[in-house]
N, C-alpha and C. Protein backbone atom coordinates (compact mmCIF):
# COMPACT_ATOMS: atom_id res chain seq x y z
N MET A 1 22.41 -46.44 -64.14
CA MET A 1 23.31 -46.24 -65.25
C MET A 1 22.90 -47.22 -66.38
N SER A 2 22.84 -46.69 -67.59
CA SER A 2 22.31 -47.51 -68.67
C SER A 2 23.41 -47.98 -69.64
N THR A 3 24.63 -48.03 -69.21
CA THR A 3 25.66 -48.52 -70.10
C THR A 3 26.49 -49.57 -69.43
N ASP A 4 26.90 -50.55 -70.23
CA ASP A 4 27.78 -51.58 -69.69
C ASP A 4 29.24 -51.26 -69.98
N LYS A 5 29.50 -50.07 -70.53
CA LYS A 5 30.87 -49.64 -70.84
C LYS A 5 31.49 -48.84 -69.70
N VAL A 6 30.79 -48.63 -68.61
CA VAL A 6 31.34 -47.97 -67.41
C VAL A 6 31.67 -49.05 -66.42
N LYS A 7 32.97 -49.17 -66.13
CA LYS A 7 33.44 -50.31 -65.33
C LYS A 7 34.19 -49.87 -64.08
N ARG A 8 34.32 -50.81 -63.15
CA ARG A 8 35.19 -50.62 -61.97
C ARG A 8 36.61 -50.95 -62.38
N LEU A 9 37.58 -50.50 -61.58
CA LEU A 9 38.98 -50.73 -61.92
C LEU A 9 39.30 -52.22 -62.00
N ASP A 10 38.79 -53.04 -61.11
CA ASP A 10 39.07 -54.48 -61.18
C ASP A 10 38.57 -55.09 -62.50
N GLU A 11 37.44 -54.60 -63.00
CA GLU A 11 36.91 -55.09 -64.28
C GLU A 11 37.79 -54.63 -65.44
N ILE A 12 38.29 -53.40 -65.33
CA ILE A 12 39.17 -52.84 -66.36
C ILE A 12 40.46 -53.64 -66.43
N VAL A 13 41.02 -53.98 -65.26
CA VAL A 13 42.26 -54.77 -65.19
C VAL A 13 42.07 -56.11 -65.86
N HIS A 14 40.95 -56.76 -65.60
CA HIS A 14 40.64 -58.06 -66.22
C HIS A 14 40.52 -57.92 -67.72
N TRP A 15 39.77 -56.90 -68.16
CA TRP A 15 39.60 -56.65 -69.60
C TRP A 15 40.92 -56.39 -70.28
N ARG A 16 41.78 -55.62 -69.60
CA ARG A 16 43.12 -55.29 -70.12
C ARG A 16 43.95 -56.56 -70.35
N ALA A 17 43.85 -57.52 -69.44
CA ALA A 17 44.59 -58.77 -69.56
C ALA A 17 44.17 -59.47 -70.85
N GLY A 18 42.90 -59.42 -71.20
CA GLY A 18 42.42 -60.04 -72.44
C GLY A 18 43.02 -59.39 -73.67
N LEU A 19 43.17 -58.05 -73.63
CA LEU A 19 43.79 -57.34 -74.74
C LEU A 19 45.23 -57.78 -74.92
N ARG A 20 45.95 -57.93 -73.78
CA ARG A 20 47.36 -58.36 -73.85
C ARG A 20 47.49 -59.75 -74.48
N GLU A 21 46.59 -60.64 -74.09
CA GLU A 21 46.61 -62.00 -74.64
C GLU A 21 46.43 -62.02 -76.16
N LYS A 22 45.64 -61.06 -76.66
CA LYS A 22 45.41 -60.96 -78.11
C LYS A 22 46.47 -60.09 -78.81
N GLY A 23 47.37 -59.51 -78.04
CA GLY A 23 48.41 -58.66 -78.64
C GLY A 23 47.89 -57.32 -79.11
N GLU A 24 46.78 -56.88 -78.54
CA GLU A 24 46.19 -55.61 -78.94
C GLU A 24 46.73 -54.46 -78.12
N LYS A 25 46.84 -53.30 -78.75
CA LYS A 25 47.38 -52.11 -78.10
C LYS A 25 46.27 -51.32 -77.43
N LEU A 26 46.50 -50.99 -76.13
CA LEU A 26 45.55 -50.23 -75.35
C LEU A 26 45.98 -48.76 -75.27
N VAL A 27 45.06 -47.86 -75.54
CA VAL A 27 45.25 -46.43 -75.35
C VAL A 27 44.46 -46.02 -74.11
N PHE A 28 45.07 -45.17 -73.29
CA PHE A 28 44.38 -44.63 -72.09
C PHE A 28 44.49 -43.14 -72.10
N SER A 29 43.39 -42.51 -71.72
CA SER A 29 43.37 -41.07 -71.49
C SER A 29 42.42 -40.81 -70.33
N ASN A 30 42.45 -39.59 -69.85
CA ASN A 30 41.59 -39.26 -68.72
C ASN A 30 41.23 -37.77 -68.72
N GLY A 31 40.23 -37.42 -67.96
CA GLY A 31 39.86 -36.02 -67.82
C GLY A 31 38.55 -35.89 -67.09
N CYS A 32 38.13 -34.63 -66.95
CA CYS A 32 36.87 -34.34 -66.27
C CYS A 32 35.67 -34.54 -67.19
N PHE A 33 35.80 -34.12 -68.45
CA PHE A 33 34.73 -34.24 -69.44
C PHE A 33 33.40 -33.73 -68.90
N ASP A 34 33.45 -32.52 -68.31
CA ASP A 34 32.29 -32.01 -67.60
C ASP A 34 31.12 -31.71 -68.55
N ILE A 35 31.34 -30.94 -69.59
CA ILE A 35 30.31 -30.73 -70.61
C ILE A 35 30.97 -31.19 -71.91
N LEU A 36 30.50 -32.32 -72.41
CA LEU A 36 31.11 -32.89 -73.60
C LEU A 36 30.93 -31.95 -74.80
N HIS A 37 32.02 -31.68 -75.49
CA HIS A 37 31.98 -30.76 -76.64
C HIS A 37 32.85 -31.33 -77.78
N VAL A 38 32.85 -30.62 -78.91
CA VAL A 38 33.53 -31.10 -80.10
C VAL A 38 35.04 -31.32 -79.85
N GLY A 39 35.64 -30.52 -79.01
CA GLY A 39 37.07 -30.73 -78.68
C GLY A 39 37.28 -32.09 -78.05
N HIS A 40 36.40 -32.47 -77.11
CA HIS A 40 36.49 -33.78 -76.49
C HIS A 40 36.32 -34.90 -77.52
N VAL A 41 35.31 -34.75 -78.37
CA VAL A 41 35.02 -35.79 -79.35
C VAL A 41 36.18 -36.00 -80.31
N ARG A 42 36.72 -34.91 -80.84
CA ARG A 42 37.85 -35.02 -81.77
C ARG A 42 39.08 -35.60 -81.08
N TYR A 43 39.30 -35.16 -79.87
CA TYR A 43 40.45 -35.65 -79.07
C TYR A 43 40.34 -37.16 -78.84
N LEU A 44 39.18 -37.61 -78.41
CA LEU A 44 39.00 -39.04 -78.13
C LEU A 44 39.04 -39.90 -79.40
N LYS A 45 38.54 -39.37 -80.49
CA LYS A 45 38.64 -40.10 -81.77
C LYS A 45 40.08 -40.23 -82.19
N ALA A 46 40.88 -39.17 -82.02
CA ALA A 46 42.30 -39.21 -82.36
C ALA A 46 43.04 -40.18 -81.46
N ALA A 47 42.69 -40.19 -80.17
CA ALA A 47 43.32 -41.12 -79.22
C ALA A 47 43.02 -42.56 -79.61
N ARG A 48 41.80 -42.86 -79.91
CA ARG A 48 41.39 -44.21 -80.28
C ARG A 48 42.10 -44.70 -81.54
N ALA A 49 42.34 -43.79 -82.46
CA ALA A 49 43.00 -44.16 -83.71
C ALA A 49 44.44 -44.62 -83.50
N LEU A 50 45.00 -44.38 -82.35
CA LEU A 50 46.37 -44.77 -82.05
C LEU A 50 46.55 -46.24 -81.64
N GLY A 51 45.44 -46.90 -81.31
CA GLY A 51 45.54 -48.28 -80.85
C GLY A 51 44.32 -49.10 -81.18
N ASP A 52 44.20 -50.24 -80.53
CA ASP A 52 43.10 -51.15 -80.79
C ASP A 52 41.91 -50.94 -79.85
N ALA A 53 42.15 -50.27 -78.72
CA ALA A 53 41.07 -50.05 -77.72
C ALA A 53 41.40 -48.79 -76.95
N LEU A 54 40.35 -48.09 -76.48
CA LEU A 54 40.51 -46.86 -75.70
C LEU A 54 39.73 -46.95 -74.41
N ILE A 55 40.44 -46.78 -73.32
CA ILE A 55 39.82 -46.64 -72.00
C ILE A 55 39.99 -45.20 -71.56
N VAL A 56 38.89 -44.61 -71.05
CA VAL A 56 38.95 -43.23 -70.59
C VAL A 56 38.64 -43.18 -69.09
N GLY A 57 39.56 -42.62 -68.35
CA GLY A 57 39.36 -42.37 -66.91
C GLY A 57 38.60 -41.07 -66.72
N ILE A 58 37.57 -41.10 -65.89
CA ILE A 58 36.74 -39.91 -65.63
C ILE A 58 36.92 -39.50 -64.17
N ASN A 59 37.32 -38.25 -63.96
CA ASN A 59 37.47 -37.76 -62.60
C ASN A 59 36.14 -37.79 -61.86
N SER A 60 36.17 -38.23 -60.61
CA SER A 60 34.97 -38.21 -59.77
C SER A 60 34.54 -36.76 -59.52
N ASP A 61 33.30 -36.60 -59.04
CA ASP A 61 32.82 -35.26 -58.69
C ASP A 61 33.73 -34.59 -57.69
N ARG A 62 34.17 -35.33 -56.68
CA ARG A 62 35.04 -34.79 -55.63
C ARG A 62 36.34 -34.29 -56.22
N SER A 63 36.97 -35.09 -57.08
CA SER A 63 38.25 -34.68 -57.64
C SER A 63 38.08 -33.51 -58.61
N VAL A 64 36.96 -33.44 -59.34
CA VAL A 64 36.72 -32.28 -60.21
C VAL A 64 36.63 -31.01 -59.38
N ARG A 65 35.90 -31.08 -58.25
CA ARG A 65 35.79 -29.89 -57.38
C ARG A 65 37.16 -29.45 -56.91
N GLU A 66 38.01 -30.38 -56.56
CA GLU A 66 39.36 -30.03 -56.10
C GLU A 66 40.19 -29.41 -57.21
N ILE A 67 40.02 -29.87 -58.43
CA ILE A 67 40.81 -29.41 -59.57
C ILE A 67 40.23 -28.10 -60.14
N LYS A 68 38.92 -28.06 -60.31
CA LYS A 68 38.27 -26.94 -61.03
C LYS A 68 37.59 -25.91 -60.13
N GLY A 69 37.37 -26.27 -58.87
CA GLY A 69 36.69 -25.34 -57.98
C GLY A 69 35.30 -25.84 -57.58
N LYS A 70 34.73 -25.18 -56.55
CA LYS A 70 33.48 -25.69 -55.97
C LYS A 70 32.28 -25.60 -56.88
N SER A 71 32.32 -24.80 -57.94
CA SER A 71 31.19 -24.69 -58.84
C SER A 71 31.15 -25.81 -59.87
N ARG A 72 32.13 -26.64 -59.89
CA ARG A 72 32.19 -27.74 -60.86
C ARG A 72 32.19 -29.06 -60.10
N PRO A 73 31.76 -30.16 -60.69
CA PRO A 73 31.32 -30.28 -62.06
C PRO A 73 29.87 -29.81 -62.25
N ILE A 74 29.50 -29.57 -63.48
CA ILE A 74 28.14 -29.24 -63.85
C ILE A 74 27.33 -30.53 -63.95
N VAL A 75 27.94 -31.56 -64.54
CA VAL A 75 27.30 -32.85 -64.78
C VAL A 75 27.92 -33.88 -63.81
N THR A 76 27.09 -34.74 -63.25
CA THR A 76 27.58 -35.73 -62.27
C THR A 76 28.53 -36.75 -62.91
N GLU A 77 29.34 -37.38 -62.06
CA GLU A 77 30.34 -38.34 -62.54
C GLU A 77 29.71 -39.51 -63.28
N LEU A 78 28.60 -40.03 -62.79
CA LEU A 78 27.97 -41.17 -63.47
C LEU A 78 27.45 -40.79 -64.85
N GLU A 79 26.87 -39.59 -64.94
CA GLU A 79 26.37 -39.11 -66.23
C GLU A 79 27.53 -38.81 -67.19
N ARG A 80 28.61 -38.21 -66.68
CA ARG A 80 29.77 -37.93 -67.53
C ARG A 80 30.38 -39.22 -68.06
N ALA A 81 30.50 -40.22 -67.17
CA ALA A 81 31.06 -41.51 -67.60
C ALA A 81 30.17 -42.17 -68.64
N GLU A 82 28.88 -42.08 -68.46
CA GLU A 82 27.95 -42.70 -69.41
C GLU A 82 27.97 -42.02 -70.77
N VAL A 83 28.03 -40.68 -70.77
CA VAL A 83 28.05 -39.93 -72.02
C VAL A 83 29.36 -40.23 -72.79
N VAL A 84 30.50 -40.21 -72.10
CA VAL A 84 31.77 -40.50 -72.77
C VAL A 84 31.76 -41.96 -73.26
N ALA A 85 31.24 -42.87 -72.47
CA ALA A 85 31.19 -44.29 -72.86
C ALA A 85 30.29 -44.50 -74.09
N ALA A 86 29.33 -43.61 -74.30
CA ALA A 86 28.43 -43.74 -75.45
C ALA A 86 29.09 -43.44 -76.78
N LEU A 87 30.25 -42.80 -76.73
CA LEU A 87 30.97 -42.49 -77.96
C LEU A 87 31.49 -43.78 -78.58
N ALA A 88 31.35 -43.93 -79.89
CA ALA A 88 31.77 -45.16 -80.56
C ALA A 88 33.27 -45.40 -80.42
N CYS A 89 34.07 -44.34 -80.29
CA CYS A 89 35.51 -44.50 -80.23
C CYS A 89 35.99 -44.93 -78.83
N VAL A 90 35.13 -44.92 -77.86
CA VAL A 90 35.49 -45.28 -76.47
C VAL A 90 35.03 -46.71 -76.19
N ASP A 91 35.97 -47.53 -75.74
CA ASP A 91 35.62 -48.91 -75.44
C ASP A 91 35.09 -49.04 -74.00
N LEU A 92 35.76 -48.41 -73.05
CA LEU A 92 35.33 -48.46 -71.63
C LEU A 92 35.68 -47.15 -70.94
N THR A 93 34.94 -46.86 -69.90
CA THR A 93 35.29 -45.73 -69.00
C THR A 93 35.37 -46.27 -67.58
N VAL A 94 36.13 -45.54 -66.76
CA VAL A 94 36.26 -45.87 -65.36
C VAL A 94 36.34 -44.56 -64.59
N ILE A 95 35.60 -44.48 -63.49
CA ILE A 95 35.61 -43.29 -62.65
C ILE A 95 36.69 -43.44 -61.58
N PHE A 96 37.48 -42.35 -61.38
CA PHE A 96 38.49 -42.44 -60.33
C PHE A 96 38.37 -41.22 -59.43
N ASP A 97 38.63 -41.43 -58.12
CA ASP A 97 38.43 -40.42 -57.11
C ASP A 97 39.70 -39.65 -56.73
N ASP A 98 40.84 -40.08 -57.23
CA ASP A 98 42.09 -39.38 -56.95
C ASP A 98 42.21 -38.15 -57.82
N LEU A 99 43.16 -37.28 -57.49
CA LEU A 99 43.39 -36.11 -58.33
C LEU A 99 44.05 -36.47 -59.65
N THR A 100 44.74 -37.58 -59.68
CA THR A 100 45.40 -38.05 -60.93
C THR A 100 44.99 -39.49 -61.18
N PRO A 101 45.18 -39.97 -62.42
CA PRO A 101 44.86 -41.36 -62.76
C PRO A 101 46.03 -42.32 -62.49
N LYS A 102 46.98 -41.94 -61.70
CA LYS A 102 48.19 -42.76 -61.51
C LYS A 102 47.87 -44.19 -61.12
N ASN A 103 46.94 -44.41 -60.21
CA ASN A 103 46.62 -45.78 -59.77
C ASN A 103 46.05 -46.62 -60.91
N ILE A 104 45.24 -45.99 -61.77
CA ILE A 104 44.68 -46.72 -62.91
C ILE A 104 45.81 -47.07 -63.89
N ILE A 105 46.64 -46.12 -64.19
CA ILE A 105 47.74 -46.32 -65.12
C ILE A 105 48.70 -47.42 -64.63
N ASP A 106 49.00 -47.35 -63.34
CA ASP A 106 49.87 -48.39 -62.75
C ASP A 106 49.23 -49.76 -62.82
N ALA A 107 47.90 -49.82 -62.70
CA ALA A 107 47.18 -51.09 -62.70
C ALA A 107 47.04 -51.70 -64.11
N ILE A 108 46.82 -50.85 -65.11
CA ILE A 108 46.57 -51.39 -66.45
C ILE A 108 47.77 -51.27 -67.40
N VAL A 109 48.71 -50.40 -67.09
CA VAL A 109 49.91 -50.15 -67.91
C VAL A 109 49.53 -50.11 -69.40
N PRO A 110 48.92 -49.03 -69.81
CA PRO A 110 48.52 -48.94 -71.24
C PRO A 110 49.74 -48.91 -72.15
N ASP A 111 49.54 -49.28 -73.39
CA ASP A 111 50.61 -49.22 -74.39
C ASP A 111 50.84 -47.77 -74.85
N ILE A 112 49.76 -47.01 -74.85
CA ILE A 112 49.81 -45.61 -75.29
C ILE A 112 49.01 -44.77 -74.28
N LEU A 113 49.64 -43.73 -73.79
CA LEU A 113 49.03 -42.81 -72.85
C LEU A 113 48.94 -41.46 -73.51
N VAL A 114 47.71 -40.87 -73.54
CA VAL A 114 47.58 -39.60 -74.22
C VAL A 114 46.86 -38.57 -73.35
N LYS A 115 47.23 -37.31 -73.56
CA LYS A 115 46.58 -36.16 -72.96
C LYS A 115 46.50 -35.10 -74.04
N GLY A 116 45.78 -34.02 -73.75
CA GLY A 116 45.70 -32.91 -74.68
C GLY A 116 47.03 -32.16 -74.73
N ALA A 117 47.21 -31.38 -75.79
CA ALA A 117 48.47 -30.65 -76.00
C ALA A 117 48.70 -29.54 -74.98
N ASP A 118 47.70 -29.30 -74.12
CA ASP A 118 47.92 -28.34 -73.02
C ASP A 118 48.79 -28.97 -71.93
N TRP A 119 49.07 -30.24 -72.06
CA TRP A 119 49.98 -30.96 -71.14
C TRP A 119 51.29 -31.22 -71.89
N GLY A 120 52.39 -30.83 -71.30
CA GLY A 120 53.69 -31.20 -71.85
C GLY A 120 53.91 -32.69 -71.54
N ILE A 121 54.67 -33.37 -72.39
CA ILE A 121 54.93 -34.80 -72.21
C ILE A 121 55.50 -35.08 -70.82
N SER A 122 56.41 -34.23 -70.35
CA SER A 122 57.03 -34.46 -69.04
C SER A 122 56.07 -34.26 -67.89
N GLU A 123 54.94 -33.60 -68.13
CA GLU A 123 53.94 -33.33 -67.07
C GLU A 123 52.88 -34.42 -66.98
N ILE A 124 52.83 -35.31 -67.96
CA ILE A 124 51.73 -36.28 -68.03
C ILE A 124 51.93 -37.35 -66.95
N VAL A 125 50.95 -37.45 -66.06
CA VAL A 125 50.98 -38.40 -64.96
C VAL A 125 50.92 -39.82 -65.54
N GLY A 126 51.80 -40.69 -65.07
CA GLY A 126 51.83 -42.06 -65.55
C GLY A 126 52.88 -42.30 -66.63
N ARG A 127 53.53 -41.23 -67.05
CA ARG A 127 54.53 -41.33 -68.12
C ARG A 127 55.61 -42.35 -67.79
N ASP A 128 56.13 -42.27 -66.57
CA ASP A 128 57.20 -43.20 -66.18
C ASP A 128 56.77 -44.66 -66.26
N THR A 129 55.57 -44.94 -65.78
CA THR A 129 55.05 -46.31 -65.80
C THR A 129 54.94 -46.83 -67.24
N VAL A 130 54.38 -46.01 -68.10
CA VAL A 130 54.13 -46.42 -69.50
C VAL A 130 55.46 -46.59 -70.25
N GLU A 131 56.34 -45.61 -70.12
CA GLU A 131 57.62 -45.67 -70.85
C GLU A 131 58.51 -46.80 -70.32
N LYS A 132 58.47 -47.04 -69.03
CA LYS A 132 59.25 -48.14 -68.45
C LYS A 132 58.83 -49.50 -69.04
N ALA A 133 57.54 -49.59 -69.37
CA ALA A 133 57.02 -50.85 -69.95
C ALA A 133 57.16 -50.89 -71.46
N GLY A 134 57.80 -49.88 -72.03
CA GLY A 134 57.99 -49.86 -73.48
C GLY A 134 56.90 -49.16 -74.24
N GLY A 135 55.99 -48.50 -73.54
CA GLY A 135 54.90 -47.79 -74.17
C GLY A 135 55.29 -46.38 -74.61
N VAL A 136 54.30 -45.68 -75.16
CA VAL A 136 54.49 -44.36 -75.70
C VAL A 136 53.55 -43.36 -75.00
N VAL A 137 54.05 -42.15 -74.78
CA VAL A 137 53.25 -41.09 -74.19
C VAL A 137 53.16 -39.95 -75.21
N LEU A 138 51.93 -39.51 -75.52
CA LEU A 138 51.72 -38.49 -76.55
C LEU A 138 50.76 -37.42 -76.06
N ASN A 139 50.85 -36.25 -76.70
CA ASN A 139 49.78 -35.28 -76.49
C ASN A 139 49.14 -34.98 -77.84
N ILE A 140 47.86 -34.70 -77.81
CA ILE A 140 47.07 -34.51 -79.02
C ILE A 140 46.63 -33.03 -79.07
N PRO A 141 46.77 -32.41 -80.25
CA PRO A 141 46.36 -31.01 -80.37
C PRO A 141 44.90 -30.78 -79.94
N LEU A 142 44.70 -29.61 -79.35
CA LEU A 142 43.36 -29.23 -78.90
C LEU A 142 42.64 -28.48 -80.01
N VAL A 143 41.31 -28.48 -79.93
CA VAL A 143 40.48 -27.68 -80.86
C VAL A 143 40.43 -26.27 -80.27
N GLU A 144 40.97 -25.32 -81.01
CA GLU A 144 41.04 -23.94 -80.55
C GLU A 144 39.66 -23.40 -80.12
N GLY A 145 39.60 -22.80 -78.93
CA GLY A 145 38.39 -22.18 -78.43
C GLY A 145 37.34 -23.16 -77.96
N SER A 146 37.67 -24.41 -77.84
CA SER A 146 36.70 -25.42 -77.47
C SER A 146 37.08 -25.98 -76.08
N SER A 147 36.39 -25.49 -75.06
CA SER A 147 36.61 -25.98 -73.70
C SER A 147 35.34 -25.83 -72.88
N THR A 148 35.22 -26.63 -71.85
CA THR A 148 34.07 -26.54 -70.97
C THR A 148 34.04 -25.16 -70.30
N THR A 149 35.21 -24.70 -69.83
CA THR A 149 35.28 -23.40 -69.18
C THR A 149 34.79 -22.29 -70.12
N GLU A 150 35.17 -22.37 -71.41
CA GLU A 150 34.72 -21.38 -72.39
C GLU A 150 33.22 -21.46 -72.63
N ILE A 151 32.69 -22.67 -72.68
CA ILE A 151 31.23 -22.84 -72.87
C ILE A 151 30.49 -22.22 -71.69
N ILE A 152 30.94 -22.50 -70.46
CA ILE A 152 30.31 -21.92 -69.28
C ILE A 152 30.38 -20.41 -69.31
N ARG A 153 31.54 -19.86 -69.68
CA ARG A 153 31.70 -18.40 -69.76
C ARG A 153 30.71 -17.81 -70.75
N LYS A 154 30.53 -18.43 -71.91
CA LYS A 154 29.61 -17.92 -72.92
C LYS A 154 28.17 -17.97 -72.43
N VAL A 155 27.81 -19.05 -71.74
CA VAL A 155 26.43 -19.14 -71.21
C VAL A 155 26.17 -18.04 -70.19
N ILE A 156 27.11 -17.83 -69.30
CA ILE A 156 26.94 -16.78 -68.28
C ILE A 156 26.87 -15.43 -68.94
N GLU A 157 27.73 -15.17 -69.93
CA GLU A 157 27.77 -13.90 -70.64
C GLU A 157 26.44 -13.63 -71.36
N ARG A 158 25.90 -14.67 -71.98
CA ARG A 158 24.67 -14.49 -72.75
C ARG A 158 23.40 -14.49 -71.92
N PHE A 159 23.39 -15.29 -70.85
CA PHE A 159 22.16 -15.46 -70.10
C PHE A 159 22.22 -14.98 -68.66
N GLY A 160 23.40 -14.50 -68.27
CA GLY A 160 23.59 -14.00 -66.89
C GLY A 160 23.65 -15.11 -65.88
N GLN A 161 23.94 -14.72 -64.69
CA GLN A 161 24.04 -15.70 -63.60
C GLN A 161 22.70 -15.91 -63.02
């Protein structure tokens, strides 16, 4: 792995403590980010604009398979984490093996928790933890027609299986 922005949870927790000491607001989001596209980029830029730092949780290969099916992910977890970490708006990434990022959220208690607008606020995992600590939970509008599933469908349609 060629990036120092992909961290383990214990490193993220330590880094988070430093942000608290400086009074800086942490934004957290998560996802599969299987094939990075403009929707992801715009979403992550909008998330970062909400605070002083952005940490992105990346689903492990195993958890992506459970969520999306056995044909996914297309890109491995280490490569997905590295590509997302390479974005200027992302401060750190962390890979998680659970189906949800609850353990990460409970460990770092971000000030702002965001997901795409395809998630209702009441459905966002970690909402209780963040709101109990005085934080905010938001959803960010999606870019219409921009999704990994749609990209895969177009490739199959144009080039066959």
